[in-house]
C-alpha atoms as a PDB file:
ATOM      1  CA  MET A   1      18.250 -61.856 129.693  1.00  0.00           C
ATOM      2  CA  CYS A   2      16.736 -60.051 126.747  1.00  0.00           C
ATOM      3  CA  LEU A   3      13.157 -59.533 127.878  1.00  0.00           C
ATOM      4  CA  ILE A   4      11.901 -59.034 131.425  1.00  0.00           C
ATOM      5  CA  VAL A   5       8.448 -57.921 132.514  1.00  0.00           C
ATOM      6  CA  PHE A   6       7.529 -57.703 136.163  1.00  0.00           C
ATOM      7  CA  ALA A   7       4.847 -56.489 138.527  1.00  0.00           C
ATOM      8  CA  TRP A   8       6.052 -55.031 141.807  1.00  0.00           C
ATOM      9  CA  GLN A   9       3.676 -54.502 144.741  1.00  0.00           C
ATOM     10  CA  SER A  10       0.767 -54.431 142.289  1.00  0.00           C
ATOM     11  CA  HIS A  11      -1.294 -57.519 143.175  1.00  0.00           C
ATOM     12  CA  PRO A  12      -2.819 -58.534 146.525  1.00  0.00           C
ATOM     13  CA  GLU A  13      -1.720 -62.174 146.229  1.00  0.00           C
ATOM     14  CA  TYR A  14       1.625 -61.832 144.434  1.00  0.00           C
ATOM     15  CA  PRO A  15       3.666 -58.736 145.375  1.00  0.00           C
ATOM     16  CA  PHE A  16       6.414 -59.882 142.988  1.00  0.00           C
ATOM     17  CA  VAL A  17       5.720 -61.432 139.583  1.00  0.00           C
ATOM     18  CA  LEU A  18       8.445 -61.711 136.977  1.00  0.00           C
ATOM     19  CA  ALA A  19       8.677 -63.325 133.552  1.00  0.00           C
ATOM     20  CA  GLY A  20      11.850 -63.238 131.486  1.00  0.00           C
ATOM     21  CA  ASN A  21      13.609 -64.762 128.501  1.00  0.00           C
ATOM     22  CA  ARG A  22      17.307 -65.302 128.055  1.00  0.00           C
ATOM     23  CA  ASP A  23      18.354 -65.069 124.399  1.00  0.00           C
ATOM     24  CA  GLU A  24      21.830 -66.347 123.630  1.00  0.00           C
ATOM     25  CA  PHE A  25      23.976 -68.106 121.057  1.00  0.00           C
ATOM     26  CA  TYR A  26      23.145 -71.800 121.094  1.00  0.00           C
ATOM     27  CA  ALA A  27      26.818 -72.710 121.129  1.00  0.00           C
ATOM     28  CA  ARG A  28      27.475 -70.911 124.427  1.00  0.00           C
ATOM     29  CA  PRO A  29      27.684 -73.585 127.148  1.00  0.00           C
ATOM     30  CA  THR A  30      25.072 -73.166 129.868  1.00  0.00           C
ATOM     31  CA  GLU A  31      23.874 -74.988 132.977  1.00  0.00           C
ATOM     32  CA  ALA A  32      20.195 -75.032 133.886  1.00  0.00           C
ATOM     33  CA  ALA A  33      19.002 -73.549 137.186  1.00  0.00           C
ATOM     34  CA  HIS A  34      20.432 -75.332 140.230  1.00  0.00           C
ATOM     35  CA  TRP A  35      21.713 -74.620 143.712  1.00  0.00           C
ATOM     36  CA  TRP A  36      25.339 -73.656 143.248  1.00  0.00           C
ATOM     37  CA  PRO A  37      27.690 -75.887 145.282  1.00  0.00           C
ATOM     38  CA  ASP A  38      30.446 -73.267 145.271  1.00  0.00           C
ATOM     39  CA  SER A  39      28.107 -70.436 146.343  1.00  0.00           C
ATOM     40  CA  PRO A  40      25.748 -71.993 148.896  1.00  0.00           C
ATOM     41  CA  GLY A  41      22.363 -70.339 148.898  1.00  0.00           C
ATOM     42  CA  VAL A  42      22.420 -69.232 145.245  1.00  0.00           C
ATOM     43  CA  LEU A  43      19.829 -70.694 142.864  1.00  0.00           C
ATOM     44  CA  ALA A  44      20.397 -69.788 139.215  1.00  0.00           C
ATOM     45  CA  GLY A  45      21.383 -71.033 135.825  1.00  0.00           C
ATOM     46  CA  ARG A  46      25.015 -70.609 134.939  1.00  0.00           C
ATOM     47  CA  ASP A  47      26.997 -69.371 131.982  1.00  0.00           C
ATOM     48  CA  GLN A  48      29.767 -71.959 131.757  1.00  0.00           C
ATOM     49  CA  LYS A  49      31.944 -69.685 129.650  1.00  0.00           C
ATOM     50  CA  ALA A  50      32.277 -66.755 132.063  1.00  0.00           C
ATOM     51  CA  GLY A  51      30.857 -68.283 135.255  1.00  0.00           C
ATOM     52  CA  GLY A  52      28.130 -65.743 136.002  1.00  0.00           C
ATOM     53  CA  THR A  53      24.388 -65.800 135.484  1.00  0.00           C
ATOM     54  CA  TRP A  54      21.517 -63.809 134.024  1.00  0.00           C
ATOM     55  CA  CYS A  55      18.836 -64.358 136.687  1.00  0.00           C
ATOM     56  CA  GLY A  56      18.649 -65.966 140.094  1.00  0.00           C
ATOM     57  CA  ILE A  57      17.625 -65.871 143.714  1.00  0.00           C
ATOM     58  CA  ALA A  58      19.406 -66.466 147.008  1.00  0.00           C
ATOM     59  CA  SER A  59      18.301 -68.047 150.260  1.00  0.00           C
ATOM     60  CA  SER A  60      18.763 -64.636 151.890  1.00  0.00           C
ATOM     61  CA  GLY A  61      15.626 -63.455 150.024  1.00  0.00           C
ATOM     62  CA  ARG A  62      17.542 -61.739 147.238  1.00  0.00           C
ATOM     63  CA  PHE A  63      16.779 -61.647 143.544  1.00  0.00           C
ATOM     64  CA  ALA A  64      18.848 -60.335 140.643  1.00  0.00           C
ATOM     65  CA  ALA A  65      18.521 -60.269 136.861  1.00  0.00           C
ATOM     66  CA  LEU A  66      20.285 -58.534 134.010  1.00  0.00           C
ATOM     67  CA  THR A  67      19.664 -57.602 130.396  1.00  0.00           C
ATOM     68  CA  ASN A  68      22.295 -56.529 127.903  1.00  0.00           C
ATOM     69  CA  PHE A  69      22.059 -53.173 126.149  1.00  0.00           C
ATOM     70  CA  ARG A  70      21.936 -53.545 122.363  1.00  0.00           C
ATOM     71  CA  GLY A  71      24.605 -51.398 120.776  1.00  0.00           C
ATOM     72  CA  PRO A  72      26.551 -53.289 118.108  1.00  0.00           C
ATOM     73  CA  SER A  73      29.076 -50.485 117.687  1.00  0.00           C
ATOM     74  CA  GLU A  74      29.757 -50.216 121.432  1.00  0.00           C
ATOM     75  CA  GLY A  75      30.826 -53.755 122.286  1.00  0.00           C
ATOM     76  CA  ASN A  76      34.204 -54.200 123.981  1.00  0.00           C
ATOM     77  CA  ALA A  77      35.476 -57.765 123.811  1.00  0.00           C
ATOM     78  CA  LEU A  78      37.822 -57.080 126.741  1.00  0.00           C
ATOM     79  CA  ALA A  79      35.095 -55.804 129.097  1.00  0.00           C
ATOM     80  CA  PRO A  80      34.390 -57.859 132.240  1.00  0.00           C
ATOM     81  CA  SER A  81      31.469 -60.288 132.166  1.00  0.00           C
ATOM     82  CA  ARG A  82      28.161 -58.688 133.050  1.00  0.00           C
ATOM     83  CA  GLY A  83      26.876 -61.968 134.483  1.00  0.00           C
ATOM     84  CA  ALA A  84      29.181 -61.471 137.473  1.00  0.00           C
ATOM     85  CA  LEU A  85      27.076 -58.460 138.488  1.00  0.00           C
ATOM     86  CA  VAL A  86      24.188 -60.828 139.194  1.00  0.00           C
ATOM     87  CA  SER A  87      26.115 -63.665 140.816  1.00  0.00           C
ATOM     88  CA  ASP A  88      28.243 -61.366 143.001  1.00  0.00           C
ATOM     89  CA  TYR A  89      25.162 -59.693 144.436  1.00  0.00           C
ATOM     90  CA  LEU A  90      23.353 -62.978 145.055  1.00  0.00           C
ATOM     91  CA  ALA A  91      26.344 -64.497 146.829  1.00  0.00           C
ATOM     92  CA  GLY A  92      27.205 -61.345 148.778  1.00  0.00           C
ATOM     93  CA  ARG A  93      25.971 -59.640 151.923  1.00  0.00           C
ATOM     94  CA  HIS A  94      25.682 -55.998 150.877  1.00  0.00           C
ATOM     95  CA  SER A  95      22.271 -54.380 150.706  1.00  0.00           C
ATOM     96  CA  ALA A  96      21.065 -53.612 147.188  1.00  0.00           C
ATOM     97  CA  ALA A  97      21.631 -49.884 147.722  1.00  0.00           C
ATOM     98  CA  ASN A  98      25.182 -50.423 149.008  1.00  0.00           C
ATOM     99  CA  TYR A  99      25.997 -52.888 146.253  1.00  0.00           C
ATOM    100  CA  LEU A 100      24.931 -50.377 143.607  1.00  0.00           C
ATOM    101  CA  ALA A 101      26.805 -47.571 145.338  1.00  0.00           C
ATOM    102  CA  GLY A 102      29.935 -49.706 145.219  1.00  0.00           C
ATOM    103  CA  LEU A 103      29.353 -50.401 141.545  1.00  0.00           C
ATOM    104  CA  ALA A 104      29.117 -46.725 140.640  1.00  0.00           C
ATOM    105  CA  THR A 105      32.826 -46.218 140.034  1.00  0.00           C
ATOM    106  CA  SER A 106      33.320 -49.370 137.949  1.00  0.00           C
ATOM    107  CA  LYS A 107      30.151 -49.885 135.929  1.00  0.00           C
ATOM    108  CA  ALA A 108      31.462 -47.884 132.963  1.00  0.00           C
ATOM    109  CA  ARG A 109      33.973 -50.704 132.379  1.00  0.00           C
ATOM    110  CA  TYR A 110      31.157 -53.067 131.383  1.00  0.00           C
ATOM    111  CA  ASN A 111      29.348 -53.297 128.104  1.00  0.00           C
ATOM    112  CA  GLY A 112      25.840 -51.870 128.361  1.00  0.00           C
ATOM    113  CA  PHE A 113      23.522 -53.434 130.932  1.00  0.00           C
ATOM    114  CA  ASN A 114      20.333 -53.067 132.945  1.00  0.00           C
ATOM    115  CA  LEU A 115      20.400 -54.631 136.406  1.00  0.00           C
ATOM    116  CA  LEU A 116      17.481 -55.470 138.694  1.00  0.00           C
ATOM    117  CA  LEU A 117      18.149 -56.202 142.362  1.00  0.00           C
ATOM    118  CA  ALA A 118      15.688 -57.085 145.112  1.00  0.00           C
ATOM    119  CA  GLU A 119      16.142 -57.883 148.786  1.00  0.00           C
ATOM    120  CA  GLY A 120      13.885 -58.953 151.616  1.00  0.00           C
ATOM    121  CA  LEU A 121      11.507 -60.935 149.417  1.00  0.00           C
ATOM    122  CA  GLN A 122      10.738 -63.369 152.209  1.00  0.00           C
ATOM    123  CA  SER A 123       8.863 -60.438 153.789  1.00  0.00           C
ATOM    124  CA  PRO A 124       7.481 -58.757 150.650  1.00  0.00           C
ATOM    125  CA  ALA A 125       5.691 -55.913 152.412  1.00  0.00           C
ATOM    126  CA  SER A 126       9.057 -54.482 153.486  1.00  0.00           C
ATOM    127  CA  ALA A 127      11.146 -55.615 150.485  1.00  0.00           C
ATOM    128  CA  ASP A 128      13.028 -53.305 148.135  1.00  0.00           C
ATOM    129  CA  LEU A 129      13.521 -53.465 144.373  1.00  0.00           C
ATOM    130  CA  TRP A 130      16.197 -51.430 142.592  1.00  0.00           C
ATOM    131  CA  VAL A 131      17.178 -50.864 138.987  1.00  0.00           C
ATOM    132  CA  ASP A 132      20.515 -49.702 137.622  1.00  0.00           C
ATOM    133  CA  SER A 133      22.021 -49.190 134.180  1.00  0.00           C
ATOM    134  CA  ASN A 134      25.318 -47.920 132.830  1.00  0.00           C
ATOM    135  CA  ARG A 135      23.456 -46.354 129.918  1.00  0.00           C
ATOM    136  CA  ASP A 136      21.124 -44.152 131.986  1.00  0.00           C
ATOM    137  CA  ALA A 137      22.460 -41.255 134.033  1.00  0.00           C
ATOM    138  CA  THR A 138      19.357 -41.228 136.262  1.00  0.00           C
ATOM    139  CA  MET A 139      20.222 -44.643 137.704  1.00  0.00           C
ATOM    140  CA  PRO A 140      20.280 -46.319 140.124  1.00  0.00           C
ATOM    141  CA  ARG A 141      16.842 -45.846 141.615  1.00  0.00           C
ATOM    142  CA  ARG A 142      14.498 -47.628 143.957  1.00  0.00           C
ATOM    143  CA  LEU A 143      11.299 -48.690 142.214  1.00  0.00           C
ATOM    144  CA  GLU A 144       7.846 -48.013 143.550  1.00  0.00           C
ATOM    145  CA  GLY A 145       4.953 -50.348 142.832  1.00  0.00           C
ATOM    146  CA  GLY A 146       3.942 -50.848 139.222  1.00  0.00           C
ATOM    147  CA  ILE A 147       4.325 -52.930 136.090  1.00  0.00           C
ATOM    148  CA  HIS A 148       7.578 -52.525 134.207  1.00  0.00           C
ATOM    149  CA  GLY A 149       9.434 -54.068 131.311  1.00  0.00           C
ATOM    150  CA  VAL A 150      12.923 -54.010 129.916  1.00  0.00           C
ATOM    151  CA  SER A 151      14.616 -55.516 126.916  1.00  0.00           C
ATOM    152  CA  ASN A 152      17.927 -54.372 125.417  1.00  0.00           C
ATOM    153  CA  ALA A 153      17.337 -50.665 126.024  1.00  0.00           C
ATOM    154  CA  GLN A 154      16.493 -48.624 129.103  1.00  0.00           C
ATOM    155  CA  LEU A 155      13.741 -49.597 131.543  1.00  0.00           C
ATOM    156  CA  ASP A 156      10.267 -49.191 129.999  1.00  0.00           C
ATOM    157  CA  THR A 157      11.591 -48.149 126.597  1.00  0.00           C
ATOM    158  CA  PRO A 158       8.484 -48.837 124.457  1.00  0.00           C
ATOM    159  CA  TRP A 159       9.801 -51.530 122.166  1.00  0.00           C
ATOM    160  CA  PRO A 160       6.917 -53.572 120.706  1.00  0.00           C
ATOM    161  CA  LYS A 161       7.622 -56.773 122.627  1.00  0.00           C
ATOM    162  CA  VAL A 162       8.050 -54.874 125.882  1.00  0.00           C
ATOM    163  CA  GLU A 163       4.769 -53.030 125.469  1.00  0.00           C
ATOM    164  CA  THR A 164       2.916 -56.197 124.434  1.00  0.00           C
ATOM    165  CA  ALA A 165       4.311 -58.194 127.350  1.00  0.00           C
ATOM    166  CA  LYS A 166       3.507 -55.464 129.862  1.00  0.00           C
ATOM    167  CA  ALA A 167      -0.067 -55.211 128.588  1.00  0.00           C
ATOM    168  CA  ARG A 168      -0.534 -58.966 128.780  1.00  0.00           C
ATOM    169  CA  LEU A 169       0.874 -59.059 132.303  1.00  0.00           C
ATOM    170  CA  GLN A 170      -1.418 -56.229 133.355  1.00  0.00           C
ATOM    171  CA  ASN A 171      -4.452 -58.050 131.934  1.00  0.00           C
ATOM    172  CA  LEU A 172      -3.473 -61.260 133.690  1.00  0.00           C
ATOM    173  CA  LEU A 173      -3.190 -59.604 137.078  1.00  0.00           C
ATOM    174  CA  ALA A 174      -6.365 -57.581 136.587  1.00  0.00           C
ATOM    175  CA  GLY A 175      -8.340 -60.750 135.919  1.00  0.00           C
ATOM    176  CA  GLY A 176      -8.713 -61.660 139.572  1.00  0.00           C
ATOM    177  CA  ALA A 177      -7.254 -64.459 141.654  1.00  0.00           C
ATOM    178  CA  LEU A 178      -5.166 -67.014 139.793  1.00  0.00           C
ATOM    179  CA  ALA A 179      -3.630 -70.188 141.125  1.00  0.00           C
ATOM    180  CA  ALA A 180       0.147 -70.271 140.764  1.00  0.00           C
ATOM    181  CA  ASP A 181       0.074 -73.006 138.110  1.00  0.00           C
ATOM    182  CA  ALA A 182      -2.417 -71.087 135.967  1.00  0.00           C
ATOM    183  CA  LEU A 183      -0.445 -67.855 136.264  1.00  0.00           C
ATOM    184  CA  ILE A 184       2.825 -69.591 135.403  1.00  0.00           C
ATOM    185  CA  ALA A 185       1.251 -71.215 132.347  1.00  0.00           C
ATOM    186  CA  ALA A 186      -0.089 -67.861 131.154  1.00  0.00           C
ATOM    187  CA  LEU A 187       3.278 -66.158 131.668  1.00  0.00           C
ATOM    188  CA  LEU A 188       5.079 -68.913 129.775  1.00  0.00           C
ATOM    189  CA  ALA A 189       2.630 -68.416 126.914  1.00  0.00           C
ATOM    190  CA  LEU A 190       3.559 -64.726 126.934  1.00  0.00           C
ATOM    191  CA  LEU A 191       7.261 -65.585 126.853  1.00  0.00           C
ATOM    192  CA  THR A 192       6.955 -68.100 124.013  1.00  0.00           C
ATOM    193  CA  ASP A 193       5.047 -65.786 121.662  1.00  0.00           C
ATOM    194  CA  PRO A 194       6.869 -65.832 118.277  1.00  0.00           C
ATOM    195  CA  GLN A 195       4.926 -62.887 116.810  1.00  0.00           C
ATOM    196  CA  ILE A 196       7.109 -60.478 114.793  1.00  0.00           C
ATOM    197  CA  ALA A 197       6.356 -56.762 115.138  1.00  0.00           C
ATOM    198  CA  PRO A 198       5.428 -54.652 112.083  1.00  0.00           C
ATOM    199  CA  ASP A 199       8.358 -52.884 110.459  1.00  0.00           C
ATOM    200  CA  GLU A 200       7.029 -49.423 111.239  1.00  0.00           C
ATOM    201  CA  THR A 201       7.168 -50.147 114.989  1.00  0.00           C
ATOM    202  CA  LEU A 202      10.701 -51.526 115.096  1.00  0.00           C
ATOM    203  CA  PRO A 203      13.470 -49.667 116.926  1.00  0.00           C
ATOM    204  CA  ALA A 204      16.645 -48.775 115.082  1.00  0.00           C
ATOM    205  CA  THR A 205      19.435 -50.296 117.141  1.00  0.00           C
ATOM    206  CA  GLY A 206      22.159 -50.665 114.535  1.00  0.00           C
ATOM    207  CA  VAL A 207      21.499 -54.255 113.490  1.00  0.00           C
ATOM    208  CA  PRO A 208      20.250 -55.166 109.977  1.00  0.00           C
ATOM    209  CA  LEU A 209      16.504 -54.915 109.386  1.00  0.00           C
ATOM    210  CA  ALA A 210      16.102 -58.687 109.024  1.00  0.00           C
ATOM    211  CA  ALA A 211      17.699 -59.183 112.424  1.00  0.00           C
ATOM    212  CA  GLU A 212      15.641 -56.356 113.940  1.00  0.00           C
ATOM    213  CA  ARG A 213      12.496 -58.148 112.771  1.00  0.00           C
ATOM    214  CA  SER A 214      13.528 -61.474 114.279  1.00  0.00           C
ATOM    215  CA  LEU A 215      14.595 -59.847 117.537  1.00  0.00           C
ATOM    216  CA  SER A 216      11.232 -58.090 117.897  1.00  0.00           C
ATOM    217  CA  ALA A 217       9.531 -61.327 118.962  1.00  0.00           C
ATOM    218  CA  ALA A 218       9.334 -62.313 122.602  1.00  0.00           C
ATOM    219  CA  PHE A 219      10.451 -65.817 121.588  1.00  0.00           C
ATOM    220  CA  ILE A 220      13.336 -65.753 119.125  1.00  0.00           C
ATOM    221  CA  ARG A 221      14.524 -68.408 116.696  1.00  0.00           C
ATOM    222  CA  MET A 222      17.424 -67.396 114.433  1.00  0.00           C
ATOM    223  CA  PRO A 223      20.297 -69.362 112.906  1.00  0.00           C
ATOM    224  CA  GLY A 224      22.665 -70.010 115.787  1.00  0.00           C
ATOM    225  CA  TYR A 225      20.844 -67.703 118.210  1.00  0.00           C
ATOM    226  CA  GLY A 226      17.542 -67.584 120.038  1.00  0.00           C
ATOM    227  CA  THR A 227      15.545 -67.874 123.238  1.00  0.00           C
ATOM    228  CA  ARG A 228      17.171 -70.555 125.348  1.00  0.00           C
ATOM    229  CA  THR A 229      15.565 -70.100 128.763  1.00  0.00           C
ATOM    230  CA  SER A 230      12.248 -68.772 130.081  1.00  0.00           C
ATOM    231  CA  THR A 231      11.976 -67.951 133.786  1.00  0.00           C
ATOM    232  CA  VAL A 232       8.916 -67.164 135.887  1.00  0.00           C
ATOM    233  CA  ILE A 233       9.229 -66.096 139.515  1.00  0.00           C
ATOM    234  CA  LEU A 234       6.294 -65.619 141.860  1.00  0.00           C
ATOM    235  CA  VAL A 235       6.474 -64.465 145.456  1.00  0.00           C
ATOM    236  CA  ASP A 236       3.178 -64.374 147.318  1.00  0.00           C
ATOM    237  CA  HIS A 237       2.203 -62.033 150.137  1.00  0.00           C
ATOM    238  CA  ARG A 238       3.524 -64.518 152.721  1.00  0.00           C
ATOM    239  CA  GLY A 239       6.912 -64.628 151.053  1.00  0.00           C
ATOM    240  CA  ARG A 240       6.413 -68.064 149.535  1.00  0.00           C
ATOM    241  CA  LEU A 241       8.428 -68.643 146.384  1.00  0.00           C
ATOM    242  CA  CYS A 242       7.836 -70.337 143.063  1.00  0.00           C
ATOM    243  CA  PHE A 243      10.789 -70.318 140.645  1.00  0.00           C
ATOM    244  CA  HIS A 244      10.025 -71.972 137.318  1.00  0.00           C
ATOM    245  CA  GLU A 245      12.550 -72.384 134.520  1.00  0.00           C
ATOM    246  CA  SER A 246      11.891 -73.814 131.052  1.00  0.00           C
ATOM    247  CA  THR A 247      14.686 -74.430 128.559  1.00  0.00           C
ATOM    248  CA  HIS A 248      14.288 -74.411 124.784  1.00  0.00           C
ATOM    249  CA  PRO A 249      17.229 -76.207 123.173  1.00  0.00           C
ATOM    250  CA  VAL A 250      17.251 -76.582 119.412  1.00  0.00           C
ATOM    251  CA  ASP A 251      16.510 -80.138 118.219  1.00  0.00           C
ATOM    252  CA  GLN A 252      16.411 -81.447 121.782  1.00  0.00           C
ATOM    253  CA  PRO A 253      13.540 -82.123 124.174  1.00  0.00           C
ATOM    254  CA  TYR A 254      12.049 -79.163 126.005  1.00  0.00           C
ATOM    255  CA  SER A 255      12.738 -79.350 129.742  1.00  0.00           C
ATOM    256  CA  MET A 256      11.561 -77.569 132.843  1.00  0.00           C
ATOM    257  CA  ARG A 257      12.316 -77.420 136.537  1.00  0.00           C
ATOM    258  CA  ARG A 258      10.598 -75.790 139.468  1.00  0.00           C
ATOM    259  CA  PHE A 259      11.779 -74.738 142.912  1.00  0.00           C
ATOM    260  CA  SER A 260       9.471 -73.722 145.726  1.00  0.00           C
ATOM    261  CA  SER A 261      11.827 -73.065 148.610  1.00  0.00           C
ATOM    262  CA  TRP A 262      14.292 -70.304 149.414  1.00  0.00           C
ATOM    263  CA  ALA A 263      16.820 -72.918 150.504  1.00  0.00           C
ATOM    264  CA  ALA A 264      18.396 -75.967 148.914  1.00  0.00           C
ATOM    265  CA  PRO A 265      16.873 -79.268 150.056  1.00  0.00           C
ATOM    266  CA  GLY A 266      18.632 -81.055 152.863  1.00  0.00           C
END
């Protein structure tokens, strides 16, 4: 994913609220969110090129999501797929802390990433949420309650779209009780905002200025590249789930799907 904002243990009704966009080349083959037949209990979209995913949940009460770290000069075409970091955790049995401890000796092999892992979401009061990155020596760490955002830099780096999305999420949750449908609609509006940031606020990440401008929007449309999937996840204080995915193909009908159970039907 390329933009994630989330509220953790910060709302009386929804202890976990997450909204995220996956930006990718349109030509990269992708499956929409579904229960994986070869990894029972995993609900996620799937990158058909490398086999991993960018965001998903598991029937064990786990959640995982990943953003890439933007560093055009650092990319290694031979590095292992970062999407496997998400799918391996979702399909596995290790605790988040143990999974990240096991990753410590190998994460330098990957191109830059930020990784969010949660466990125990079916009982949110006792759940844990962790963040890791191979571009931040202070990681991994267990997150306390709060509102956070991450794009293609370290957690809470104040890029314009991260700061705007965090502020909008904070305002939404401060506005009082919201039904799930209303909150999802508002979060999708946040994710589909095409507003470009002013030049003076743009980060310098090594891409051309024209690209930096286009990438500053929450919702990206560029030749051959853009926002392909928007995901909203809500977990209420009873552990009830709502997983909503919208896809944004170019020149094809918009589609959406919603899941409200931690287990596949049947």
